[in-house]
Full PDB file with SEQRES, HELIX, SHEET, SSBOND, CRYST1, ORIGX, SCALE, CONECT and MASTER records, all heavy atoms in Angstrom:
SEQRES   1 A   37  LEU PRO LYS THR THR GLU ALA GLU ARG LEU ILE VAL GLN          
SEQRES   2 A   37  ARG ILE GLY GLN ASP ILE PHE ARG SER GLY LEU ILE ASP          
SEQRES   3 A   37  TYR TRP GLN GLY GLN CYS PRO LEU THR GLY ILE                  
HELIX    1 AA1 GLU A    6  TYR A   27  1                                  22    
CRYST1    1.000    1.000    1.000  90.00  90.00  90.00 P 1           1          
ORIGX1      1.000000  0.000000  0.000000        0.00000                         
ORIGX2      0.000000  1.000000  0.000000        0.00000                         
ORIGX3      0.000000  0.000000  1.000000        0.00000                         
SCALE1      1.000000  0.000000  0.000000        0.00000                         
SCALE2      0.000000  1.000000  0.000000        0.00000                         
SCALE3      0.000000  0.000000  1.000000        0.00000                         
ATOM      1  N   LEU A   1     101.525  83.869  82.264  1.00  0.00           N  
ATOM      2  CA  LEU A   1     100.179  83.739  81.720  1.00  0.00           C  
ATOM      3  C   LEU A   1     100.111  84.304  80.302  1.00  0.00           C  
ATOM      4  O   LEU A   1     100.699  85.349  80.021  1.00  0.00           O  
ATOM      5  CB  LEU A   1      99.171  84.474  82.603  1.00  0.00           C  
ATOM      6  CG  LEU A   1      98.928  83.904  84.005  1.00  0.00           C  
ATOM      7  CD1 LEU A   1      97.890  84.738  84.737  1.00  0.00           C  
ATOM      8  CD2 LEU A   1      98.489  82.445  83.933  1.00  0.00           C  
ATOM      9  N   PRO A   2      99.390  83.631  79.406  1.00  0.00           N  
ATOM     10  CA  PRO A   2      99.211  84.184  78.046  1.00  0.00           C  
ATOM     11  C   PRO A   2      98.325  85.422  78.073  1.00  0.00           C  
ATOM     12  O   PRO A   2      97.439  85.549  78.926  1.00  0.00           O  
ATOM     13  CB  PRO A   2      98.540  83.031  77.302  1.00  0.00           C  
ATOM     14  CG  PRO A   2      97.841  82.234  78.362  1.00  0.00           C  
ATOM     15  CD  PRO A   2      98.700  82.347  79.585  1.00  0.00           C  
ATOM     16  N   LYS A   3      98.586  86.334  77.151  1.00  0.00           N  
ATOM     17  CA  LYS A   3      97.817  87.584  77.106  1.00  0.00           C  
ATOM     18  C   LYS A   3      97.428  87.917  75.664  1.00  0.00           C  
ATOM     19  O   LYS A   3      97.300  89.082  75.303  1.00  0.00           O  
ATOM     20  CB  LYS A   3      98.633  88.729  77.712  1.00  0.00           C  
ATOM     21  CG  LYS A   3      99.183  88.463  79.101  1.00  0.00           C  
ATOM     22  CD  LYS A   3     100.059  89.585  79.581  1.00  0.00           C  
ATOM     23  CE  LYS A   3     100.736  89.275  80.908  1.00  0.00           C  
ATOM     24  NZ  LYS A   3     101.737  88.195  80.810  1.00  0.00           N  
ATOM     25  N   THR A   4      97.223  86.887  74.873  1.00  0.00           N  
ATOM     26  CA  THR A   4      96.977  87.090  73.449  1.00  0.00           C  
ATOM     27  C   THR A   4      95.518  87.412  73.159  1.00  0.00           C  
ATOM     28  O   THR A   4      95.206  88.387  72.462  1.00  0.00           O  
ATOM     29  CB  THR A   4      97.393  85.845  72.648  1.00  0.00           C  
ATOM     30  OG1 THR A   4      98.760  85.551  72.929  1.00  0.00           O  
ATOM     31  CG2 THR A   4      97.229  86.099  71.146  1.00  0.00           C  
ATOM     32  N   THR A   5      94.617  86.619  73.710  1.00  0.00           N  
ATOM     33  CA  THR A   5      93.197  86.801  73.421  1.00  0.00           C  
ATOM     34  C   THR A   5      92.553  87.737  74.432  1.00  0.00           C  
ATOM     35  O   THR A   5      93.106  88.003  75.510  1.00  0.00           O  
ATOM     36  CB  THR A   5      92.459  85.456  73.443  1.00  0.00           C  
ATOM     37  OG1 THR A   5      92.447  84.958  74.791  1.00  0.00           O  
ATOM     38  CG2 THR A   5      93.158  84.440  72.538  1.00  0.00           C  
ATOM     39  N   GLU A   6      91.361  88.206  74.098  1.00  0.00           N  
ATOM     40  CA  GLU A   6      90.630  89.079  75.011  1.00  0.00           C  
ATOM     41  C   GLU A   6      90.313  88.352  76.314  1.00  0.00           C  
ATOM     42  O   GLU A   6      90.400  88.936  77.400  1.00  0.00           O  
ATOM     43  CB  GLU A   6      89.337  89.556  74.353  1.00  0.00           C  
ATOM     44  CG  GLU A   6      88.502  90.502  75.201  1.00  0.00           C  
ATOM     45  CD  GLU A   6      89.213  91.813  75.504  1.00  0.00           C  
ATOM     46  OE1 GLU A   6      90.156  92.174  74.756  1.00  0.00           O  
ATOM     47  OE2 GLU A   6      88.841  92.476  76.494  1.00  0.00           O  
ATOM     48  N   ALA A   7      89.947  87.078  76.219  1.00  0.00           N  
ATOM     49  CA  ALA A   7      89.638  86.304  77.422  1.00  0.00           C  
ATOM     50  C   ALA A   7      90.864  86.173  78.318  1.00  0.00           C  
ATOM     51  O   ALA A   7      90.760  86.281  79.550  1.00  0.00           O  
ATOM     52  CB  ALA A   7      89.132  84.920  77.029  1.00  0.00           C  
ATOM     53  N   GLU A   8      92.022  85.980  77.722  1.00  0.00           N  
ATOM     54  CA  GLU A   8      93.258  85.867  78.503  1.00  0.00           C  
ATOM     55  C   GLU A   8      93.609  87.198  79.162  1.00  0.00           C  
ATOM     56  O   GLU A   8      94.040  87.232  80.321  1.00  0.00           O  
ATOM     57  CB  GLU A   8      94.394  85.396  77.593  1.00  0.00           C  
ATOM     58  CG  GLU A   8      94.236  83.947  77.139  1.00  0.00           C  
ATOM     59  CD  GLU A   8      95.174  83.580  76.013  1.00  0.00           C  
ATOM     60  OE1 GLU A   8      95.764  84.490  75.380  1.00  0.00           O  
ATOM     61  OE2 GLU A   8      95.323  82.368  75.743  1.00  0.00           O  
ATOM     62  N   ARG A   9      93.401  88.272  78.441  1.00  0.00           N  
ATOM     63  CA  ARG A   9      93.692  89.585  79.016  1.00  0.00           C  
ATOM     64  C   ARG A   9      92.733  89.916  80.158  1.00  0.00           C  
ATOM     65  O   ARG A   9      93.112  90.569  81.137  1.00  0.00           O  
ATOM     66  CB  ARG A   9      93.628  90.662  77.926  1.00  0.00           C  
ATOM     67  CG  ARG A   9      94.799  90.605  76.951  1.00  0.00           C  
ATOM     68  CD  ARG A   9      94.851  91.841  76.075  1.00  0.00           C  
ATOM     69  NE  ARG A   9      93.742  91.876  75.122  1.00  0.00           N  
ATOM     70  CZ  ARG A   9      93.784  91.333  73.908  1.00  0.00           C  
ATOM     71  NH1 ARG A   9      94.877  90.686  73.492  1.00  0.00           N  
ATOM     72  NH2 ARG A   9      92.752  91.421  73.094  1.00  0.00           N  
ATOM     73  N   LEU A  10      91.486  89.449  80.053  1.00  0.00           N  
ATOM     74  CA  LEU A  10      90.523  89.678  81.132  1.00  0.00           C  
ATOM     75  C   LEU A  10      90.913  88.915  82.394  1.00  0.00           C  
ATOM     76  O   LEU A  10      90.696  89.394  83.515  1.00  0.00           O  
ATOM     77  CB  LEU A  10      89.119  89.274  80.676  1.00  0.00           C  
ATOM     78  CG  LEU A  10      88.439  90.228  79.697  1.00  0.00           C  
ATOM     79  CD1 LEU A  10      87.129  89.641  79.196  1.00  0.00           C  
ATOM     80  CD2 LEU A  10      88.203  91.603  80.339  1.00  0.00           C  
ATOM     81  N   ILE A  11      91.494  87.730  82.226  1.00  0.00           N  
ATOM     82  CA  ILE A  11      91.966  86.956  83.375  1.00  0.00           C  
ATOM     83  C   ILE A  11      93.081  87.713  84.090  1.00  0.00           C  
ATOM     84  O   ILE A  11      93.101  87.828  85.321  1.00  0.00           O  
ATOM     85  CB  ILE A  11      92.449  85.560  82.931  1.00  0.00           C  
ATOM     86  CG1 ILE A  11      91.251  84.716  82.472  1.00  0.00           C  
ATOM     87  CG2 ILE A  11      93.194  84.861  84.062  1.00  0.00           C  
ATOM     88  CD1 ILE A  11      91.644  83.389  81.856  1.00  0.00           C  
ATOM     89  N   VAL A  12      94.019  88.252  83.301  1.00  0.00           N  
ATOM     90  CA  VAL A  12      95.118  89.033  83.870  1.00  0.00           C  
ATOM     91  C   VAL A  12      94.577  90.272  84.593  1.00  0.00           C  
ATOM     92  O   VAL A  12      95.021  90.623  85.691  1.00  0.00           O  
ATOM     93  CB  VAL A  12      96.115  89.433  82.765  1.00  0.00           C  
ATOM     94  CG1 VAL A  12      97.131  90.446  83.285  1.00  0.00           C  
ATOM     95  CG2 VAL A  12      96.834  88.197  82.224  1.00  0.00           C  
ATOM     96  N   GLN A  13      93.599  90.920  83.973  1.00  0.00           N  
ATOM     97  CA  GLN A  13      93.003  92.103  84.590  1.00  0.00           C  
ATOM     98  C   GLN A  13      92.333  91.761  85.909  1.00  0.00           C  
ATOM     99  O   GLN A  13      92.456  92.501  86.890  1.00  0.00           O  
ATOM    100  CB  GLN A  13      91.990  92.742  83.638  1.00  0.00           C  
ATOM    101  CG  GLN A  13      91.299  93.973  84.220  1.00  0.00           C  
ATOM    102  CD  GLN A  13      90.383  94.649  83.210  1.00  0.00           C  
ATOM    103  OE1 GLN A  13      90.620  94.599  82.012  1.00  0.00           O  
ATOM    104  NE2 GLN A  13      89.320  95.270  83.700  1.00  0.00           N  
ATOM    105  N   ARG A  14      91.636  90.637  85.938  1.00  0.00           N  
ATOM    106  CA  ARG A  14      90.953  90.225  87.162  1.00  0.00           C  
ATOM    107  C   ARG A  14      91.960  89.959  88.277  1.00  0.00           C  
ATOM    108  O   ARG A  14      91.733  90.337  89.438  1.00  0.00           O  
ATOM    109  CB  ARG A  14      90.109  88.967  86.895  1.00  0.00           C  
ATOM    110  CG  ARG A  14      89.485  88.333  88.140  1.00  0.00           C  
ATOM    111  CD  ARG A  14      88.705  89.327  88.958  1.00  0.00           C  
ATOM    112  NE  ARG A  14      87.616  89.930  88.214  1.00  0.00           N  
ATOM    113  CZ  ARG A  14      86.854  90.913  88.662  1.00  0.00           C  
ATOM    114  NH1 ARG A  14      87.103  91.437  89.855  1.00  0.00           N  
ATOM    115  NH2 ARG A  14      85.886  91.405  87.925  1.00  0.00           N  
ATOM    116  N   ILE A  15      93.080  89.345  87.951  1.00  0.00           N  
ATOM    117  CA  ILE A  15      94.128  89.109  88.948  1.00  0.00           C  
ATOM    118  C   ILE A  15      94.615  90.442  89.498  1.00  0.00           C  
ATOM    119  O   ILE A  15      94.773  90.626  90.713  1.00  0.00           O  
ATOM    120  CB  ILE A  15      95.292  88.305  88.336  1.00  0.00           C  
ATOM    121  CG1 ILE A  15      94.831  86.876  88.028  1.00  0.00           C  
ATOM    122  CG2 ILE A  15      96.499  88.291  89.272  1.00  0.00           C  
ATOM    123  CD1 ILE A  15      95.843  86.068  87.230  1.00  0.00           C  
ATOM    124  N   GLY A  16      94.860  91.393  88.601  1.00  0.00           N  
ATOM    125  CA  GLY A  16      95.305  92.713  89.024  1.00  0.00           C  
ATOM    126  C   GLY A  16      94.289  93.412  89.909  1.00  0.00           C  
ATOM    127  O   GLY A  16      94.643  94.047  90.913  1.00  0.00           O  
ATOM    128  N   GLN A  17      93.025  93.305  89.547  1.00  0.00           N  
ATOM    129  CA  GLN A  17      91.984  93.961  90.337  1.00  0.00           C  
ATOM    130  C   GLN A  17      91.845  93.340  91.726  1.00  0.00           C  
ATOM    131  O   GLN A  17      91.590  94.039  92.710  1.00  0.00           O  
ATOM    132  CB  GLN A  17      90.664  93.920  89.575  1.00  0.00           C  
ATOM    133  CG  GLN A  17      90.650  94.834  88.352  1.00  0.00           C  
ATOM    134  CD  GLN A  17      89.431  94.650  87.479  1.00  0.00           C  
ATOM    135  OE1 GLN A  17      88.783  93.600  87.504  1.00  0.00           O  
ATOM    136  NE2 GLN A  17      89.109  95.660  86.685  1.00  0.00           N  
ATOM    137  N   ASP A  18      92.029  92.021  91.806  1.00  0.00           N  
ATOM    138  CA  ASP A  18      91.975  91.366  93.115  1.00  0.00           C  
ATOM    139  C   ASP A  18      93.138  91.809  94.003  1.00  0.00           C  
ATOM    140  O   ASP A  18      92.968  92.041  95.212  1.00  0.00           O  
ATOM    141  CB  ASP A  18      92.003  89.843  92.944  1.00  0.00           C  
ATOM    142  CG  ASP A  18      90.694  89.286  92.383  1.00  0.00           C  
ATOM    143  OD1 ASP A  18      89.690  90.018  92.397  1.00  0.00           O  
ATOM    144  OD2 ASP A  18      90.703  88.134  91.910  1.00  0.00           O  
ATOM    145  N   ILE A  19      94.330  91.937  93.419  1.00  0.00           N  
ATOM    146  CA  ILE A  19      95.495  92.403  94.172  1.00  0.00           C  
ATOM    147  C   ILE A  19      95.283  93.850  94.612  1.00  0.00           C  
ATOM    148  O   ILE A  19      95.606  94.226  95.744  1.00  0.00           O  
ATOM    149  CB  ILE A  19      96.770  92.257  93.316  1.00  0.00           C  
ATOM    150  CG1 ILE A  19      97.095  90.776  93.096  1.00  0.00           C  
ATOM    151  CG2 ILE A  19      97.955  92.982  93.964  1.00  0.00           C  
ATOM    152  CD1 ILE A  19      98.216  90.526  92.107  1.00  0.00           C  
ATOM    153  N   PHE A  20      94.737  94.656  93.713  1.00  0.00           N  
ATOM    154  CA  PHE A  20      94.459  96.061  94.026  1.00  0.00           C  
ATOM    155  C   PHE A  20      93.473  96.166  95.186  1.00  0.00           C  
ATOM    156  O   PHE A  20      93.671  96.953  96.118  1.00  0.00           O  
ATOM    157  CB  PHE A  20      93.901  96.738  92.774  1.00  0.00           C  
ATOM    158  CG  PHE A  20      93.590  98.200  92.931  1.00  0.00           C  
ATOM    159  CD1 PHE A  20      94.604  99.129  93.079  1.00  0.00           C  
ATOM    160  CD2 PHE A  20      92.275  98.652  92.901  1.00  0.00           C  
ATOM    161  CE1 PHE A  20      94.323 100.487  93.203  1.00  0.00           C  
ATOM    162  CE2 PHE A  20      91.988 100.007  93.019  1.00  0.00           C  
ATOM    163  CZ  PHE A  20      93.015 100.921  93.169  1.00  0.00           C  
ATOM    164  N   ARG A  21      92.428  95.373  95.160  1.00  0.00           N  
ATOM    165  CA  ARG A  21      91.437  95.387  96.238  1.00  0.00           C  
ATOM    166  C   ARG A  21      92.075  94.992  97.571  1.00  0.00           C  
ATOM    167  O   ARG A  21      91.839  95.646  98.592  1.00  0.00           O  
ATOM    168  CB  ARG A  21      90.287  94.432  95.906  1.00  0.00           C  
ATOM    169  CG  ARG A  21      89.283  94.246  97.044  1.00  0.00           C  
ATOM    170  CD  ARG A  21      88.168  93.283  96.644  1.00  0.00           C  
ATOM    171  NE  ARG A  21      87.362  92.896  97.791  1.00  0.00           N  
ATOM    172  CZ  ARG A  21      86.388  93.641  98.315  1.00  0.00           C  
ATOM    173  NH1 ARG A  21      86.096  94.811  97.795  1.00  0.00           N  
ATOM    174  NH2 ARG A  21      85.699  93.194  99.357  1.00  0.00           N  
ATOM    175  N   SER A  22      92.883  93.956  97.544  1.00  0.00           N  
ATOM    176  CA  SER A  22      93.552  93.520  98.770  1.00  0.00           C  
ATOM    177  C   SER A  22      94.448  94.629  99.323  1.00  0.00           C  
ATOM    178  O   SER A  22      94.487  94.871 100.534  1.00  0.00           O  
ATOM    179  CB  SER A  22      94.380  92.259  98.492  1.00  0.00           C  
ATOM    180  OG  SER A  22      95.074  91.838  99.640  1.00  0.00           O  
ATOM    181  N   GLY A  23      95.154  95.320  98.410  1.00  0.00           N  
ATOM    182  CA  GLY A  23      96.005  96.420  98.838  1.00  0.00           C  
ATOM    183  C   GLY A  23      95.213  97.561  99.447  1.00  0.00           C  
ATOM    184  O   GLY A  23      95.620  98.149 100.457  1.00  0.00           O  
ATOM    185  N   LEU A  24      94.061  97.887  98.859  1.00  0.00           N  
ATOM    186  CA  LEU A  24      93.223  98.957  99.405  1.00  0.00           C  
ATOM    187  C   LEU A  24      92.654  98.583 100.770  1.00  0.00           C  
ATOM    188  O   LEU A  24      92.541  99.432 101.655  1.00  0.00           O  
ATOM    189  CB  LEU A  24      92.088  99.287  98.444  1.00  0.00           C  
ATOM    190  CG  LEU A  24      92.437 100.084  97.184  1.00  0.00           C  
ATOM    191  CD1 LEU A  24      91.176 100.388  96.397  1.00  0.00           C  
ATOM    192  CD2 LEU A  24      93.162 101.375  97.524  1.00  0.00           C  
ATOM    193  N   ILE A  25      92.294  97.330 100.952  1.00  0.00           N  
ATOM    194  CA  ILE A  25      91.770  96.891 102.252  1.00  0.00           C  
ATOM    195  C   ILE A  25      92.830  97.086 103.327  1.00  0.00           C  
ATOM    196  O   ILE A  25      92.541  97.548 104.438  1.00  0.00           O  
ATOM    197  CB  ILE A  25      91.287  95.435 102.177  1.00  0.00           C  
ATOM    198  CG1 ILE A  25      89.989  95.359 101.354  1.00  0.00           C  
ATOM    199  CG2 ILE A  25      91.060  94.861 103.572  1.00  0.00           C  
ATOM    200  CD1 ILE A  25      89.505  93.947 101.081  1.00  0.00           C  
ATOM    201  N   ASP A  26      94.080  96.750 102.995  1.00  0.00           N  
ATOM    202  CA  ASP A  26      95.164  96.988 103.946  1.00  0.00           C  
ATOM    203  C   ASP A  26      95.363  98.479 104.179  1.00  0.00           C  
ATOM    204  O   ASP A  26      95.458  98.937 105.322  1.00  0.00           O  
ATOM    205  CB  ASP A  26      96.470  96.366 103.433  1.00  0.00           C  
ATOM    206  CG  ASP A  26      96.561  94.878 103.701  1.00  0.00           C  
ATOM    207  OD1 ASP A  26      95.970  94.417 104.690  1.00  0.00           O  
ATOM    208  OD2 ASP A  26      97.223  94.168 102.923  1.00  0.00           O  
ATOM    209  N   TYR A  27      95.441  99.235 103.097  1.00  0.00           N  
ATOM    210  CA  TYR A  27      95.766 100.655 103.209  1.00  0.00           C  
ATOM    211  C   TYR A  27      94.709 101.411 104.025  1.00  0.00           C  
ATOM    212  O   TYR A  27      95.050 102.237 104.876  1.00  0.00           O  
ATOM    213  CB  TYR A  27      95.882 101.270 101.820  1.00  0.00           C  
ATOM    214  CG  TYR A  27      96.304 102.724 101.834  1.00  0.00           C  
ATOM    215  CD1 TYR A  27      97.647 103.067 101.870  1.00  0.00           C  
ATOM    216  CD2 TYR A  27      95.355 103.750 101.842  1.00  0.00           C  
ATOM    217  CE1 TYR A  27      98.039 104.402 101.901  1.00  0.00           C  
ATOM    218  CE2 TYR A  27      95.742 105.082 101.881  1.00  0.00           C  
ATOM    219  CZ  TYR A  27      97.080 105.400 101.910  1.00  0.00           C  
ATOM    220  OH  TYR A  27      97.462 106.721 101.950  1.00  0.00           O  
ATOM    221  N   TRP A  28      93.431 101.132 103.744  1.00  0.00           N  
ATOM    222  CA  TRP A  28      92.345 101.837 104.426  1.00  0.00           C  
ATOM    223  C   TRP A  28      91.879 101.106 105.686  1.00  0.00           C  
ATOM    224  O   TRP A  28      90.837 101.426 106.246  1.00  0.00           O  
ATOM    225  CB  TRP A  28      91.180 102.065 103.474  1.00  0.00           C  
ATOM    226  CG  TRP A  28      91.526 102.993 102.344  1.00  0.00           C  
ATOM    227  CD1 TRP A  28      91.782 102.650 101.043  1.00  0.00           C  
ATOM    228  CD2 TRP A  28      91.681 104.411 102.411  1.00  0.00           C  
ATOM    229  NE1 TRP A  28      92.087 103.758 100.300  1.00  0.00           N  
ATOM    230  CE2 TRP A  28      92.033 104.867 101.109  1.00  0.00           C  
ATOM    231  CE3 TRP A  28      91.550 105.346 103.436  1.00  0.00           C  
ATOM    232  CZ2 TRP A  28      92.253 106.209 100.821  1.00  0.00           C  
ATOM    233  CZ3 TRP A  28      91.780 106.679 103.152  1.00  0.00           C  
ATOM    234  CH2 TRP A  28      92.120 107.108 101.853  1.00  0.00           C  
ATOM    235  N   GLN A  29      92.654 100.131 106.114  1.00  0.00           N  
ATOM    236  CA  GLN A  29      92.402  99.399 107.360  1.00  0.00           C  
ATOM    237  C   GLN A  29      91.013  98.765 107.390  1.00  0.00           C  
ATOM    238  O   GLN A  29      90.335  98.740 108.422  1.00  0.00           O  
ATOM    239  CB  GLN A  29      92.626 100.316 108.575  1.00  0.00           C  
ATOM    240  CG  GLN A  29      94.041 100.880 108.628  1.00  0.00           C  
ATOM    241  CD  GLN A  29      94.268 101.786 109.805  1.00  0.00           C  
ATOM    242  OE1 GLN A  29      94.374 101.327 110.941  1.00  0.00           O  
ATOM    243  NE2 GLN A  29      94.349 103.093 109.552  1.00  0.00           N  
ATOM    244  N   GLY A  30      90.591  98.293 106.224  1.00  0.00           N  
ATOM    245  CA  GLY A  30      89.374  97.497 106.149  1.00  0.00           C  
ATOM    246  C   GLY A  30      88.078  98.250 106.331  1.00  0.00           C  
ATOM    247  O   GLY A  30      87.053  97.635 106.656  1.00  0.00           O  
ATOM    248  N   GLN A  31      88.083  99.574 106.114  1.00  0.00           N  
ATOM    249  CA  GLN A  31      86.821 100.297 106.247  1.00  0.00           C  
ATOM    250  C   GLN A  31      86.719 101.430 105.242  1.00  0.00           C  
ATOM    251  O   GLN A  31      87.737 101.982 104.814  1.00  0.00           O  
ATOM    252  CB  GLN A  31      86.640 100.838 107.653  1.00  0.00           C  
ATOM    253  CG  GLN A  31      87.556 101.984 108.027  1.00  0.00           C  
ATOM    254  CD  GLN A  31      87.203 102.570 109.393  1.00  0.00           C  
ATOM    255  OE1 GLN A  31      86.556 101.917 110.213  1.00  0.00           O  
ATOM    256  NE2 GLN A  31      87.607 103.793 109.642  1.00  0.00           N  
ATOM    257  N   CYS A  32      85.509 101.739 104.865  1.00  0.00           N  
ATOM    258  CA  CYS A  32      85.259 102.890 104.011  1.00  0.00           C  
ATOM    259  C   CYS A  32      85.562 104.143 104.819  1.00  0.00           C  
ATOM    260  O   CYS A  32      84.958 104.359 105.874  1.00  0.00           O  
ATOM    261  CB  CYS A  32      83.799 102.886 103.547  1.00  0.00           C  
ATOM    262  SG  CYS A  32      83.279 104.422 102.738  1.00  0.00           S  
ATOM    263  N   PRO A  33      86.477 104.993 104.364  1.00  0.00           N  
ATOM    264  CA  PRO A  33      86.841 106.164 105.158  1.00  0.00           C  
ATOM    265  C   PRO A  33      85.734 107.205 105.269  1.00  0.00           C  
ATOM    266  O   PRO A  33      85.760 108.044 106.168  1.00  0.00           O  
ATOM    267  CB  PRO A  33      88.057 106.720 104.410  1.00  0.00           C  
ATOM    268  CG  PRO A  33      87.894 106.246 103.005  1.00  0.00           C  
ATOM    269  CD  PRO A  33      87.250 104.896 103.120  1.00  0.00           C  
ATOM    270  N   LEU A  34      84.764 107.149 104.369  1.00  0.00           N  
ATOM    271  CA  LEU A  34      83.639 108.091 104.423  1.00  0.00           C  
ATOM    272  C   LEU A  34      82.581 107.683 105.438  1.00  0.00           C  
ATOM    273  O   LEU A  34      82.089 108.499 106.212  1.00  0.00           O  
ATOM    274  CB  LEU A  34      82.975 108.180 103.051  1.00  0.00           C  
ATOM    275  CG  LEU A  34      83.525 109.142 102.014  1.00  0.00           C  
ATOM    276  CD1 LEU A  34      82.804 108.913 100.706  1.00  0.00           C  
ATOM    277  CD2 LEU A  34      83.379 110.582 102.466  1.00  0.00           C  
ATOM    278  N   THR A  35      82.227 106.409 105.402  1.00  0.00           N  
ATOM    279  CA  THR A  35      81.080 105.941 106.175  1.00  0.00           C  
ATOM    280  C   THR A  35      81.449 105.128 107.406  1.00  0.00           C  
ATOM    281  O   THR A  35      80.617 104.941 108.287  1.00  0.00           O  
ATOM    282  CB  THR A  35      80.177 105.065 105.290  1.00  0.00           C  
ATOM    283  OG1 THR A  35      80.920 103.891 104.895  1.00  0.00           O  
ATOM    284  CG2 THR A  35      79.746 105.822 104.037  1.00  0.00           C  
ATOM    285  N   GLY A  36      82.675 104.614 107.432  1.00  0.00           N  
ATOM    286  CA  GLY A  36      83.070 103.753 108.532  1.00  0.00           C  
ATOM    287  C   GLY A  36      82.616 102.315 108.376  1.00  0.00           C  
ATOM    288  O   GLY A  36      82.856 101.482 109.258  1.00  0.00           O  
ATOM    289  N   ILE A  37      81.968 101.976 107.270  1.00  0.00           N  
ATOM    290  CA  ILE A  37      81.489 100.607 107.038  1.00  0.00           C  
ATOM    291  C   ILE A  37      82.674  99.652 106.943  1.00  0.00           C  
ATOM    292  O   ILE A  37      83.643  99.916 106.219  1.00  0.00           O  
ATOM    293  CB  ILE A  37      80.634 100.538 105.758  1.00  0.00           C  
ATOM    294  CG1 ILE A  37      79.291 101.246 105.997  1.00  0.00           C  
ATOM    295  CG2 ILE A  37      80.400  99.088 105.323  1.00  0.00           C  
ATOM    296  CD1 ILE A  37      78.431 101.353 104.761  1.00  0.00           C  
TER     297      ILE A  37                                                      
MASTER        0    0    0    1    0    0    0    6  296    1    0    3          
END                                                                             
């Protein structure tokens, strides 16, 4: 993926954030550890 422009870098960041979220859902077994939600 290109990473030259700000828009391109935001796309890369969004991909990273989606992967990070998926990893956290697995790690925390799909629930907020504070509230149980």
